[in-house]
Amino acid sequence: MAVNNASVSTSPVPAFNAVRLNDTQSLIERLCEGAPEFEKTREFAQRVGVSTRHVERMAAQGTIPAVRIGKSIRIPVRPALEAMASAATSGAKAEAVTCDE
């Protein structure tokens, strides 16, 4: 039996695996429920089901947006989830922002 992969995401992030592309927005809404505007990398990693190091790597590569404040990295939750969904379907990269104190 043939499987139609055209409508299924192939993201390396568990939260986006096997999600039909038209359901991506509802998944983002569910993942954003109760979330603050920004999260630490550890908190964001727990939200999407990956390691902290994976989130740091995605931020460094520009796959997700990130804000660096001194030595700390903060992840804007909704834009990062949207970037992850976009990257899962198109390979796009996000812009990283640095704020030095």
N, C-alpha and C. Protein backbone atom coordinates (compact mmCIF):
# COMPACT_ATOMS: atom_id res chain seq x y z
N MET A 1 0.85 -1.18 0.00
CA MET A 1 0.00 0.00 0.00
C MET A 1 0.89 1.23 0.00
N ALA A 2 0.64 2.17 -0.88
CA ALA A 2 1.42 3.40 -0.99
C ALA A 2 0.96 4.41 0.06
N VAL A 3 1.92 5.17 0.58
CA VAL A 3 1.62 6.20 1.57
C VAL A 3 1.80 7.55 0.90
N ASN A 4 0.84 8.43 1.07
CA ASN A 4 0.92 9.77 0.51
C ASN A 4 1.60 10.68 1.51
N ASN A 5 2.87 11.00 1.30
CA ASN A 5 3.63 11.85 2.21
C ASN A 5 3.48 13.33 1.88
N ALA A 6 2.78 13.68 0.84
CA ALA A 6 2.66 15.07 0.43
C ALA A 6 1.95 15.93 1.47
N SER A 7 1.07 15.35 2.25
CA SER A 7 0.32 16.15 3.22
C SER A 7 0.83 16.00 4.65
N VAL A 8 1.97 15.35 4.82
CA VAL A 8 2.49 15.12 6.17
C VAL A 8 3.83 15.82 6.31
N SER A 9 4.01 16.53 7.43
CA SER A 9 5.26 17.22 7.71
C SER A 9 6.35 16.23 8.05
N THR A 10 7.60 16.55 7.70
CA THR A 10 8.73 15.69 8.02
C THR A 10 9.72 16.43 8.91
N SER A 11 9.25 17.19 9.87
CA SER A 11 10.09 17.96 10.77
C SER A 11 10.84 17.05 11.72
N PRO A 12 12.09 17.43 12.08
CA PRO A 12 12.82 16.67 13.08
C PRO A 12 12.32 16.92 14.49
N VAL A 13 11.36 17.82 14.63
CA VAL A 13 10.81 18.17 15.93
C VAL A 13 9.56 17.34 16.18
N PRO A 14 9.52 16.54 17.27
CA PRO A 14 8.40 15.65 17.53
C PRO A 14 7.02 16.31 17.47
N ALA A 15 6.92 17.55 17.94
CA ALA A 15 5.62 18.22 17.96
C ALA A 15 5.05 18.40 16.56
N PHE A 16 5.91 18.44 15.55
CA PHE A 16 5.45 18.67 14.18
C PHE A 16 5.46 17.41 13.33
N ASN A 17 5.87 16.27 13.87
CA ASN A 17 5.88 15.03 13.11
C ASN A 17 4.47 14.55 12.86
N ALA A 18 4.25 14.04 11.67
CA ALA A 18 2.97 13.44 11.27
C ALA A 18 1.80 14.39 11.43
N VAL A 19 2.05 15.67 11.27
CA VAL A 19 0.97 16.66 11.33
C VAL A 19 0.62 17.05 9.91
N ARG A 20 -0.63 16.97 9.59
CA ARG A 20 -1.06 17.41 8.27
C ARG A 20 -0.83 18.91 8.18
N LEU A 21 -0.38 19.35 7.03
CA LEU A 21 0.00 20.76 6.87
C LEU A 21 -1.14 21.71 7.18
N ASN A 22 -2.38 21.34 6.89
CA ASN A 22 -3.50 22.22 7.19
C ASN A 22 -3.84 22.23 8.68
N ASP A 23 -3.25 21.35 9.47
CA ASP A 23 -3.48 21.33 10.91
C ASP A 23 -2.37 22.04 11.68
N THR A 24 -1.38 22.56 10.98
CA THR A 24 -0.23 23.19 11.63
C THR A 24 -0.64 24.36 12.49
N GLN A 25 -1.53 25.21 12.00
CA GLN A 25 -1.95 26.39 12.77
C GLN A 25 -2.65 25.99 14.06
N SER A 26 -3.47 24.96 14.03
CA SER A 26 -4.14 24.53 15.26
C SER A 26 -3.13 23.94 16.24
N LEU A 27 -2.09 23.26 15.74
CA LEU A 27 -1.04 22.75 16.61
C LEU A 27 -0.29 23.91 17.26
N ILE A 28 0.02 24.95 16.49
CA ILE A 28 0.70 26.12 17.04
C ILE A 28 -0.15 26.75 18.13
N GLU A 29 -1.44 26.87 17.88
CA GLU A 29 -2.35 27.45 18.89
C GLU A 29 -2.33 26.62 20.18
N ARG A 30 -2.36 25.30 20.04
CA ARG A 30 -2.34 24.44 21.23
C ARG A 30 -1.02 24.56 21.98
N LEU A 31 0.10 24.61 21.26
CA LEU A 31 1.40 24.72 21.90
C LEU A 31 1.60 26.09 22.56
N CYS A 32 0.91 27.11 22.06
CA CYS A 32 1.04 28.47 22.62
C CYS A 32 0.13 28.71 23.83
N GLU A 33 -0.82 27.83 24.07
CA GLU A 33 -1.75 28.02 25.20
C GLU A 33 -1.00 28.19 26.50
N GLY A 34 -1.25 29.30 27.17
CA GLY A 34 -0.65 29.56 28.47
C GLY A 34 0.82 29.92 28.44
N ALA A 35 1.37 30.08 27.25
CA ALA A 35 2.80 30.38 27.13
C ALA A 35 3.05 31.87 27.30
N PRO A 36 4.16 32.22 27.94
CA PRO A 36 4.56 33.63 27.99
C PRO A 36 5.05 34.05 26.60
N GLU A 37 5.31 35.33 26.42
CA GLU A 37 5.79 35.80 25.13
C GLU A 37 7.17 35.23 24.80
N PHE A 38 8.04 35.16 25.81
CA PHE A 38 9.39 34.62 25.65
C PHE A 38 9.62 33.51 26.66
N GLU A 39 10.43 32.50 26.28
CA GLU A 39 10.80 31.44 27.19
C GLU A 39 12.30 31.20 27.13
N LYS A 40 12.85 30.65 28.22
CA LYS A 40 14.23 30.20 28.21
C LYS A 40 14.32 29.00 27.27
N THR A 41 15.53 28.71 26.80
CA THR A 41 15.69 27.59 25.87
C THR A 41 15.21 26.28 26.48
N ARG A 42 15.46 26.07 27.76
CA ARG A 42 15.03 24.84 28.44
C ARG A 42 13.50 24.72 28.44
N GLU A 43 12.81 25.82 28.74
CA GLU A 43 11.34 25.80 28.77
C GLU A 43 10.76 25.55 27.39
N PHE A 44 11.34 26.21 26.38
CA PHE A 44 10.85 26.03 25.02
C PHE A 44 11.10 24.59 24.55
N ALA A 45 12.26 24.04 24.91
CA ALA A 45 12.58 22.66 24.54
C ALA A 45 11.55 21.69 25.12
N GLN A 46 11.16 21.91 26.36
CA GLN A 46 10.15 21.05 26.98
C GLN A 46 8.81 21.20 26.27
N ARG A 47 8.48 22.41 25.86
CA ARG A 47 7.21 22.67 25.18
C ARG A 47 7.10 21.88 23.88
N VAL A 48 8.20 21.83 23.11
CA VAL A 48 8.14 21.17 21.80
C VAL A 48 8.70 19.75 21.79
N GLY A 49 9.24 19.30 22.93
CA GLY A 49 9.68 17.91 23.03
C GLY A 49 11.04 17.61 22.44
N VAL A 50 11.96 18.56 22.56
CA VAL A 50 13.33 18.32 22.10
C VAL A 50 14.30 18.69 23.21
N SER A 51 15.59 18.45 23.00
CA SER A 51 16.59 18.80 24.01
C SER A 51 16.88 20.30 23.99
N THR A 52 17.40 20.79 25.11
CA THR A 52 17.80 22.19 25.19
C THR A 52 18.87 22.48 24.15
N ARG A 53 19.80 21.58 24.00
CA ARG A 53 20.88 21.76 23.01
C ARG A 53 20.33 21.88 21.60
N HIS A 54 19.28 21.12 21.28
CA HIS A 54 18.67 21.20 19.95
C HIS A 54 18.07 22.58 19.72
N VAL A 55 17.41 23.14 20.74
CA VAL A 55 16.84 24.49 20.63
C VAL A 55 17.97 25.50 20.43
N GLU A 56 19.05 25.37 21.20
CA GLU A 56 20.19 26.28 21.05
C GLU A 56 20.78 26.19 19.65
N ARG A 57 20.87 24.97 19.12
CA ARG A 57 21.40 24.78 17.77
C ARG A 57 20.48 25.41 16.72
N MET A 58 19.16 25.20 16.86
CA MET A 58 18.21 25.80 15.91
C MET A 58 18.31 27.32 15.94
N ALA A 59 18.47 27.90 17.14
CA ALA A 59 18.60 29.35 17.27
C ALA A 59 19.90 29.83 16.62
N ALA A 60 20.99 29.12 16.86
CA ALA A 60 22.29 29.51 16.29
C ALA A 60 22.29 29.41 14.76
N GLN A 61 21.58 28.44 14.22
CA GLN A 61 21.52 28.25 12.77
C GLN A 61 20.50 29.17 12.12
N GLY A 62 19.68 29.84 12.92
CA GLY A 62 18.66 30.73 12.37
C GLY A 62 17.38 30.04 11.99
N THR A 63 17.22 28.79 12.39
CA THR A 63 15.98 28.06 12.09
C THR A 63 14.81 28.64 12.86
N ILE A 64 15.07 29.08 14.11
CA ILE A 64 14.06 29.75 14.92
C ILE A 64 14.62 31.10 15.37
N PRO A 65 13.75 32.09 15.59
CA PRO A 65 14.23 33.38 16.08
C PRO A 65 14.65 33.27 17.54
N ALA A 66 15.61 34.06 17.94
CA ALA A 66 16.08 34.08 19.31
C ALA A 66 16.57 35.47 19.65
N VAL A 67 16.49 35.79 20.93
CA VAL A 67 16.99 37.07 21.43
C VAL A 67 18.05 36.76 22.47
N ARG A 68 19.24 37.30 22.26
CA ARG A 68 20.31 37.11 23.24
C ARG A 68 20.41 38.39 24.06
N ILE A 69 20.32 38.23 25.38
CA ILE A 69 20.46 39.34 26.31
C ILE A 69 21.64 38.98 27.20
N GLY A 70 22.78 39.59 26.94
CA GLY A 70 23.99 39.19 27.64
C GLY A 70 24.34 37.77 27.26
N LYS A 71 24.42 36.87 28.25
CA LYS A 71 24.71 35.46 28.00
C LYS A 71 23.45 34.62 27.88
N SER A 72 22.29 35.20 28.15
CA SER A 72 21.03 34.46 28.13
C SER A 72 20.40 34.48 26.74
N ILE A 73 19.74 33.39 26.40
CA ILE A 73 18.99 33.30 25.15
C ILE A 73 17.51 33.15 25.51
N ARG A 74 16.68 33.96 24.90
CA ARG A 74 15.23 33.84 25.07
C ARG A 74 14.61 33.56 23.71
N ILE A 75 13.63 32.70 23.73
CA ILE A 75 12.94 32.28 22.51
C ILE A 75 11.54 32.89 22.48
N PRO A 76 11.20 33.70 21.46
CA PRO A 76 9.83 34.18 21.34
C PRO A 76 8.95 33.01 20.89
N VAL A 77 8.03 32.61 21.75
CA VAL A 77 7.32 31.33 21.57
C VAL A 77 6.56 31.26 20.24
N ARG A 78 5.61 32.14 20.00
CA ARG A 78 4.79 32.03 18.78
C ARG A 78 5.64 32.16 17.51
N PRO A 79 6.51 33.18 17.39
CA PRO A 79 7.32 33.26 16.18
C PRO A 79 8.23 32.03 15.98
N ALA A 80 8.74 31.47 17.07
CA ALA A 80 9.60 30.29 16.95
C ALA A 80 8.79 29.08 16.46
N LEU A 81 7.60 28.89 17.00
CA LEU A 81 6.76 27.78 16.55
C LEU A 81 6.37 27.94 15.08
N GLU A 82 6.05 29.18 14.69
CA GLU A 82 5.71 29.43 13.29
C GLU A 82 6.91 29.20 12.39
N ALA A 83 8.10 29.59 12.84
CA ALA A 83 9.32 29.37 12.05
C ALA A 83 9.61 27.88 11.92
N MET A 84 9.39 27.13 13.00
CA MET A 84 9.61 25.69 12.94
C MET A 84 8.65 25.04 11.95
N ALA A 85 7.40 25.47 11.96
CA ALA A 85 6.42 24.92 11.02
C ALA A 85 6.79 25.29 9.59
N SER A 86 7.24 26.52 9.39
CA SER A 86 7.64 26.97 8.06
C SER A 86 8.87 26.21 7.59
N ALA A 87 9.85 26.03 8.47
CA ALA A 87 11.07 25.31 8.11
C ALA A 87 10.77 23.85 7.80
N ALA A 88 9.78 23.29 8.47
CA ALA A 88 9.42 21.89 8.22
C ALA A 88 8.88 21.71 6.81
N THR A 89 8.28 22.76 6.27
CA THR A 89 7.70 22.64 4.94
C THR A 89 8.54 23.27 3.84
N SER A 90 9.39 24.27 4.19
CA SER A 90 10.11 24.96 3.13
C SER A 90 11.61 25.08 3.33
N GLY A 91 12.11 24.79 4.52
CA GLY A 91 13.54 24.95 4.78
C GLY A 91 13.96 26.38 5.04
N ALA A 92 13.00 27.28 5.31
CA ALA A 92 13.31 28.69 5.56
C ALA A 92 14.04 28.88 6.88
N LYS A 93 14.77 29.99 7.00
CA LYS A 93 15.47 30.32 8.23
C LYS A 93 14.97 31.64 8.77
N ALA A 94 15.02 31.79 10.09
CA ALA A 94 14.57 33.01 10.76
C ALA A 94 15.76 33.90 11.06
N GLU A 95 15.49 35.15 11.39
CA GLU A 95 16.52 36.10 11.78
C GLU A 95 16.79 35.99 13.28
N ALA A 96 18.04 36.05 13.67
CA ALA A 96 18.41 36.06 15.10
C ALA A 96 18.69 37.50 15.50
N VAL A 97 18.35 37.86 16.73
CA VAL A 97 18.53 39.21 17.25
C VAL A 97 19.43 39.13 18.47
N THR A 98 20.36 40.07 18.58
CA THR A 98 21.25 40.12 19.73
C THR A 98 21.07 41.43 20.46
N CYS A 99 20.89 41.36 21.78
CA CYS A 99 20.80 42.55 22.62
C CYS A 99 21.88 42.43 23.68
N ASP A 100 22.86 43.30 23.66
CA ASP A 100 23.93 43.27 24.66
C ASP A 100 23.64 44.27 25.76
N GLU A 101 23.87 43.83 27.00
CA GLU A 101 23.68 44.74 28.14
C GLU A 101 24.99 45.27 28.62
